[in-house]
């Protein structure tokens, strides 16, 4: 089943078409994601995906970006499948990296002083930029765009271009040449 494009009304509800086109033309490795909206509990963001094949590649990429993973202590409590927890109780659990459960997800971090959200899963290091100006992680501004561009430069400077993934192009919410070629001319 093919997912249709988002409507222009939805795409440009919060940002002018000319702004979104400029973002698309400028970003080399990153992309603008327009939220599904409604009850999906997602937001707009800029993203960069870096693909790794194994533990060695994961740590090579993280090392070059100066991202440190924290070990989860062996005796640290884990959520039990099927058991209900209150929000505060659930927040105490650590989110593990699925492929490497001894490590905690980085989540909210700084790369070269730039705040971003980092999630590692299924062979992808997902870097997300949003909410920098006002703390609202569901919205993006020029600052978030500029931060994404700065991390793109860092990726090039650190020789990580070969790890950049274009798999994001398979989602209708991630604005790409594949789905929205008219926004790149």
C-alpha atoms as a PDB file:
ATOM      1  CA  UNK A   1       0.000   0.000   0.000  1.00  0.00           C
ATOM      2  CA  UNK A   2       1.407   3.361  -1.040  1.00  0.00           C
ATOM      3  CA  UNK A   3       1.042   6.245   1.385  1.00  0.00           C
ATOM      4  CA  UNK A   4      -0.030   9.420  -0.355  1.00  0.00           C
ATOM      5  CA  UNK A   5       1.703  12.747   0.122  1.00  0.00           C
ATOM      6  CA  UNK A   6       0.582  15.123   2.829  1.00  0.00           C
ATOM      7  CA  UNK A   7      -1.577  17.954   1.534  1.00  0.00           C
ATOM      8  CA  UNK A   8      -0.033  21.369   0.928  1.00  0.00           C
ATOM      9  CA  UNK A   9      -2.339  22.739   3.631  1.00  0.00           C
ATOM     10  CA  UNK A  10      -0.812  20.314   6.145  1.00  0.00           C
ATOM     11  CA  UNK A  11       2.773  20.707   4.897  1.00  0.00           C
ATOM     12  CA  UNK A  12       2.742  24.503   5.047  1.00  0.00           C
ATOM     13  CA  UNK A  13       0.396  24.997   7.980  1.00  0.00           C
ATOM     14  CA  UNK A  14       3.189  26.308  10.233  1.00  0.00           C
ATOM     15  CA  UNK A  15       5.935  27.348   7.804  1.00  0.00           C
ATOM     16  CA  UNK A  16       5.708  29.115   4.456  1.00  0.00           C
ATOM     17  CA  UNK A  17       6.378  27.037   1.372  1.00  0.00           C
ATOM     18  CA  UNK A  18       9.378  29.223   0.493  1.00  0.00           C
ATOM     19  CA  UNK A  19      10.923  28.514   3.918  1.00  0.00           C
ATOM     20  CA  UNK A  20      10.415  24.746   3.638  1.00  0.00           C
ATOM     21  CA  UNK A  21      11.902  24.795   0.110  1.00  0.00           C
ATOM     22  CA  UNK A  22      14.936  26.748   1.365  1.00  0.00           C
ATOM     23  CA  UNK A  23      15.429  24.247   4.183  1.00  0.00           C
ATOM     24  CA  UNK A  24      15.215  21.336   1.727  1.00  0.00           C
ATOM     25  CA  UNK A  25      17.665  22.897  -0.725  1.00  0.00           C
ATOM     26  CA  UNK A  26      20.174  23.699   2.029  1.00  0.00           C
ATOM     27  CA  UNK A  27      20.189  20.423   3.952  1.00  0.00           C
ATOM     28  CA  UNK A  28      22.691  17.959   2.573  1.00  0.00           C
ATOM     29  CA  UNK A  29      22.342  15.009   4.979  1.00  0.00           C
ATOM     30  CA  UNK A  30      19.405  16.104   7.086  1.00  0.00           C
ATOM     31  CA  UNK A  31      15.715  16.529   6.447  1.00  0.00           C
ATOM     32  CA  UNK A  32      12.636  18.336   7.713  1.00  0.00           C
ATOM     33  CA  UNK A  33       9.957  16.117   9.221  1.00  0.00           C
ATOM     34  CA  UNK A  34       6.383  17.400   9.262  1.00  0.00           C
ATOM     35  CA  UNK A  35       4.404  15.842  12.097  1.00  0.00           C
ATOM     36  CA  UNK A  36       1.503  13.496  11.438  1.00  0.00           C
ATOM     37  CA  UNK A  37      -0.437  15.608  13.904  1.00  0.00           C
ATOM     38  CA  UNK A  38      -3.693  14.735  15.577  1.00  0.00           C
ATOM     39  CA  UNK A  39      -3.236  12.129  18.270  1.00  0.00           C
ATOM     40  CA  UNK A  40       0.070  10.774  16.920  1.00  0.00           C
ATOM     41  CA  UNK A  41       1.973  12.617  19.691  1.00  0.00           C
ATOM     42  CA  UNK A  42       4.746  13.600  17.313  1.00  0.00           C
ATOM     43  CA  UNK A  43       6.117  16.963  16.324  1.00  0.00           C
ATOM     44  CA  UNK A  44       7.974  18.750  13.591  1.00  0.00           C
ATOM     45  CA  UNK A  45      11.720  18.237  13.655  1.00  0.00           C
ATOM     46  CA  UNK A  46      14.899  18.289  11.654  1.00  0.00           C
ATOM     47  CA  UNK A  47      16.679  14.970  11.529  1.00  0.00           C
ATOM     48  CA  UNK A  48      19.853  13.258  10.455  1.00  0.00           C
ATOM     49  CA  UNK A  49      20.109   9.479  10.314  1.00  0.00           C
ATOM     50  CA  UNK A  50      23.445   7.699  10.503  1.00  0.00           C
ATOM     51  CA  UNK A  51      23.529   3.988   9.671  1.00  0.00           C
ATOM     52  CA  UNK A  52      25.781   1.470  11.383  1.00  0.00           C
ATOM     53  CA  UNK A  53      26.251  -2.227  10.595  1.00  0.00           C
ATOM     54  CA  UNK A  54      27.715  -3.463  13.853  1.00  0.00           C
ATOM     55  CA  UNK A  55      28.953  -2.486  17.298  1.00  0.00           C
ATOM     56  CA  UNK A  56      32.335  -1.343  15.964  1.00  0.00           C
ATOM     57  CA  UNK A  57      30.726   1.083  13.485  1.00  0.00           C
ATOM     58  CA  UNK A  58      28.271   2.348  16.115  1.00  0.00           C
ATOM     59  CA  UNK A  59      31.073   3.225  18.511  1.00  0.00           C
ATOM     60  CA  UNK A  60      33.225   4.705  15.741  1.00  0.00           C
ATOM     61  CA  UNK A  61      30.425   7.114  14.782  1.00  0.00           C
ATOM     62  CA  UNK A  62      29.612   7.968  18.394  1.00  0.00           C
ATOM     63  CA  UNK A  63      33.284   8.530  19.178  1.00  0.00           C
ATOM     64  CA  UNK A  64      33.735  10.940  16.248  1.00  0.00           C
ATOM     65  CA  UNK A  65      30.632  12.866  17.365  1.00  0.00           C
ATOM     66  CA  UNK A  66      31.820  12.730  20.991  1.00  0.00           C
ATOM     67  CA  UNK A  67      28.666  10.971  22.180  1.00  0.00           C
ATOM     68  CA  UNK A  68      29.235   8.728  25.184  1.00  0.00           C
ATOM     69  CA  UNK A  69      26.970   5.830  26.028  1.00  0.00           C
ATOM     70  CA  UNK A  70      26.247   5.018  29.657  1.00  0.00           C
ATOM     71  CA  UNK A  71      26.206   1.453  30.914  1.00  0.00           C
ATOM     72  CA  UNK A  72      23.031   0.379  32.690  1.00  0.00           C
ATOM     73  CA  UNK A  73      23.993  -1.272  35.996  1.00  0.00           C
ATOM     74  CA  UNK A  74      23.187  -5.007  35.976  1.00  0.00           C
ATOM     75  CA  UNK A  75      20.979  -4.735  39.039  1.00  0.00           C
ATOM     76  CA  UNK A  76      19.066  -1.667  37.794  1.00  0.00           C
ATOM     77  CA  UNK A  77      15.280  -2.246  37.926  1.00  0.00           C
ATOM     78  CA  UNK A  78      13.550  -2.969  34.611  1.00  0.00           C
ATOM     79  CA  UNK A  79       9.917  -2.621  33.659  1.00  0.00           C
ATOM     80  CA  UNK A  80       7.985  -5.885  33.620  1.00  0.00           C
ATOM     81  CA  UNK A  81       5.961  -6.534  30.459  1.00  0.00           C
ATOM     82  CA  UNK A  82       2.237  -6.427  31.185  1.00  0.00           C
ATOM     83  CA  UNK A  83       2.595  -4.586  34.496  1.00  0.00           C
ATOM     84  CA  UNK A  84       1.070  -1.107  34.712  1.00  0.00           C
ATOM     85  CA  UNK A  85       3.156   1.761  36.050  1.00  0.00           C
ATOM     86  CA  UNK A  86       2.387   5.369  36.867  1.00  0.00           C
ATOM     87  CA  UNK A  87       4.229   7.995  34.800  1.00  0.00           C
ATOM     88  CA  UNK A  88       6.666   8.963  37.572  1.00  0.00           C
ATOM     89  CA  UNK A  89       7.410   5.334  38.355  1.00  0.00           C
ATOM     90  CA  UNK A  90       7.938   4.509  34.674  1.00  0.00           C
ATOM     91  CA  UNK A  91      10.273   7.493  34.193  1.00  0.00           C
ATOM     92  CA  UNK A  92      12.740   5.916  36.644  1.00  0.00           C
ATOM     93  CA  UNK A  93      13.442   3.053  34.263  1.00  0.00           C
ATOM     94  CA  UNK A  94      16.277   3.469  31.809  1.00  0.00           C
ATOM     95  CA  UNK A  95      15.635   3.102  28.077  1.00  0.00           C
ATOM     96  CA  UNK A  96      18.042   0.551  26.688  1.00  0.00           C
ATOM     97  CA  UNK A  97      19.434   0.309  23.192  1.00  0.00           C
ATOM     98  CA  UNK A  98      17.645  -2.706  21.733  1.00  0.00           C
ATOM     99  CA  UNK A  99      20.701  -4.220  20.004  1.00  0.00           C
ATOM    100  CA  UNK A 100      22.995  -3.413  22.940  1.00  0.00           C
ATOM    101  CA  UNK A 101      20.777  -3.621  26.068  1.00  0.00           C
ATOM    102  CA  UNK A 102      23.671  -3.015  28.423  1.00  0.00           C
ATOM    103  CA  UNK A 103      23.689   0.628  27.228  1.00  0.00           C
ATOM    104  CA  UNK A 104      21.204   3.397  27.931  1.00  0.00           C
ATOM    105  CA  UNK A 105      19.697   5.432  25.087  1.00  0.00           C
ATOM    106  CA  UNK A 106      21.490   8.816  24.883  1.00  0.00           C
ATOM    107  CA  UNK A 107      18.205  10.798  24.552  1.00  0.00           C
ATOM    108  CA  UNK A 108      18.764  14.546  25.254  1.00  0.00           C
ATOM    109  CA  UNK A 109      22.420  15.315  24.604  1.00  0.00           C
ATOM    110  CA  UNK A 110      24.755  17.992  23.276  1.00  0.00           C
ATOM    111  CA  UNK A 111      26.965  17.526  20.238  1.00  0.00           C
ATOM    112  CA  UNK A 112      29.584  20.269  20.028  1.00  0.00           C
ATOM    113  CA  UNK A 113      27.381  22.337  22.343  1.00  0.00           C
ATOM    114  CA  UNK A 114      24.245  21.805  20.210  1.00  0.00           C
ATOM    115  CA  UNK A 115      21.234  20.267  21.921  1.00  0.00           C
ATOM    116  CA  UNK A 116      19.614  17.358  20.155  1.00  0.00           C
ATOM    117  CA  UNK A 117      17.705  14.181  20.857  1.00  0.00           C
ATOM    118  CA  UNK A 118      19.561  10.975  19.994  1.00  0.00           C
ATOM    119  CA  UNK A 119      17.896   7.564  19.712  1.00  0.00           C
ATOM    120  CA  UNK A 120      19.698   4.429  18.560  1.00  0.00           C
ATOM    121  CA  UNK A 121      17.701   1.544  17.095  1.00  0.00           C
ATOM    122  CA  UNK A 122      17.634  -0.892  14.195  1.00  0.00           C
ATOM    123  CA  UNK A 123      21.016   0.122  12.819  1.00  0.00           C
ATOM    124  CA  UNK A 124      20.228   3.865  12.834  1.00  0.00           C
ATOM    125  CA  UNK A 125      21.518   6.699  15.010  1.00  0.00           C
ATOM    126  CA  UNK A 126      18.663   9.192  14.812  1.00  0.00           C
ATOM    127  CA  UNK A 127      19.587  12.794  15.637  1.00  0.00           C
ATOM    128  CA  UNK A 128      16.597  15.138  16.069  1.00  0.00           C
ATOM    129  CA  UNK A 129      16.550  18.924  16.376  1.00  0.00           C
ATOM    130  CA  UNK A 130      13.507  20.816  17.644  1.00  0.00           C
ATOM    131  CA  UNK A 131      12.350  23.199  20.340  1.00  0.00           C
ATOM    132  CA  UNK A 132      15.688  24.947  20.804  1.00  0.00           C
ATOM    133  CA  UNK A 133      14.243  28.453  21.076  1.00  0.00           C
ATOM    134  CA  UNK A 134      11.293  27.862  23.381  1.00  0.00           C
ATOM    135  CA  UNK A 135      11.664  24.333  24.723  1.00  0.00           C
ATOM    136  CA  UNK A 136       8.647  23.075  22.757  1.00  0.00           C
ATOM    137  CA  UNK A 137       9.968  19.859  21.228  1.00  0.00           C
ATOM    138  CA  UNK A 138       6.967  19.677  18.886  1.00  0.00           C
ATOM    139  CA  UNK A 139       7.932  22.831  16.962  1.00  0.00           C
ATOM    140  CA  UNK A 140      10.909  23.896  14.843  1.00  0.00           C
ATOM    141  CA  UNK A 141      12.434  27.303  14.167  1.00  0.00           C
ATOM    142  CA  UNK A 142      15.357  28.684  12.204  1.00  0.00           C
ATOM    143  CA  UNK A 143      17.569  27.893  15.204  1.00  0.00           C
ATOM    144  CA  UNK A 144      16.756  24.187  14.918  1.00  0.00           C
ATOM    145  CA  UNK A 145      17.430  24.337  11.167  1.00  0.00           C
ATOM    146  CA  UNK A 146      20.785  26.087  11.760  1.00  0.00           C
ATOM    147  CA  UNK A 147      21.717  23.488  14.402  1.00  0.00           C
ATOM    148  CA  UNK A 148      21.004  20.687  11.929  1.00  0.00           C
ATOM    149  CA  UNK A 149      23.202  22.425   9.344  1.00  0.00           C
ATOM    150  CA  UNK A 150      26.017  22.767  11.901  1.00  0.00           C
ATOM    151  CA  UNK A 151      25.867  19.045  12.689  1.00  0.00           C
ATOM    152  CA  UNK A 152      25.898  18.303   8.947  1.00  0.00           C
ATOM    153  CA  UNK A 153      29.133  20.287   8.719  1.00  0.00           C
ATOM    154  CA  UNK A 154      30.536  18.336  11.644  1.00  0.00           C
ATOM    155  CA  UNK A 155      29.595  15.059   9.923  1.00  0.00           C
ATOM    156  CA  UNK A 156      31.546  16.166   6.841  1.00  0.00           C
ATOM    157  CA  UNK A 157      34.502  17.422   8.910  1.00  0.00           C
ATOM    158  CA  UNK A 158      34.669  14.120  10.833  1.00  0.00           C
ATOM    159  CA  UNK A 159      34.493  12.005   7.658  1.00  0.00           C
ATOM    160  CA  UNK A 160      31.145  10.435   8.495  1.00  0.00           C
ATOM    161  CA  UNK A 161      29.417  11.044   5.137  1.00  0.00           C
ATOM    162  CA  UNK A 162      29.483   7.327   4.272  1.00  0.00           C
ATOM    163  CA  UNK A 163      27.350   6.582   7.332  1.00  0.00           C
ATOM    164  CA  UNK A 164      24.553   8.988   6.384  1.00  0.00           C
ATOM    165  CA  UNK A 165      21.332   7.090   5.705  1.00  0.00           C
ATOM    166  CA  UNK A 166      18.615   8.064   3.251  1.00  0.00           C
ATOM    167  CA  UNK A 167      16.181   5.496   4.666  1.00  0.00           C
ATOM    168  CA  UNK A 168      14.163   8.419   6.045  1.00  0.00           C
ATOM    169  CA  UNK A 169      12.900   8.902   2.470  1.00  0.00           C
ATOM    170  CA  UNK A 170      10.511   5.987   2.976  1.00  0.00           C
ATOM    171  CA  UNK A 171       8.229   8.033   5.237  1.00  0.00           C
ATOM    172  CA  UNK A 172       5.714  10.520   3.879  1.00  0.00           C
ATOM    173  CA  UNK A 173       6.308  12.803   6.881  1.00  0.00           C
ATOM    174  CA  UNK A 174      10.030  13.171   6.157  1.00  0.00           C
ATOM    175  CA  UNK A 175      10.300  15.706   3.345  1.00  0.00           C
ATOM    176  CA  UNK A 176      12.504  14.122   0.671  1.00  0.00           C
ATOM    177  CA  UNK A 177      13.191  14.356  -3.064  1.00  0.00           C
ATOM    178  CA  UNK A 178      11.733  10.882  -3.434  1.00  0.00           C
ATOM    179  CA  UNK A 179       8.274  11.837  -2.114  1.00  0.00           C
ATOM    180  CA  UNK A 180       8.193  15.608  -2.638  1.00  0.00           C
ATOM    181  CA  UNK A 181      10.483  16.371  -5.632  1.00  0.00           C
ATOM    182  CA  UNK A 182       8.603  19.625  -6.304  1.00  0.00           C
ATOM    183  CA  UNK A 183       9.948  21.042  -3.017  1.00  0.00           C
ATOM    184  CA  UNK A 184      13.559  20.693  -4.169  1.00  0.00           C
ATOM    185  CA  UNK A 185      13.502  22.572  -7.507  1.00  0.00           C
END
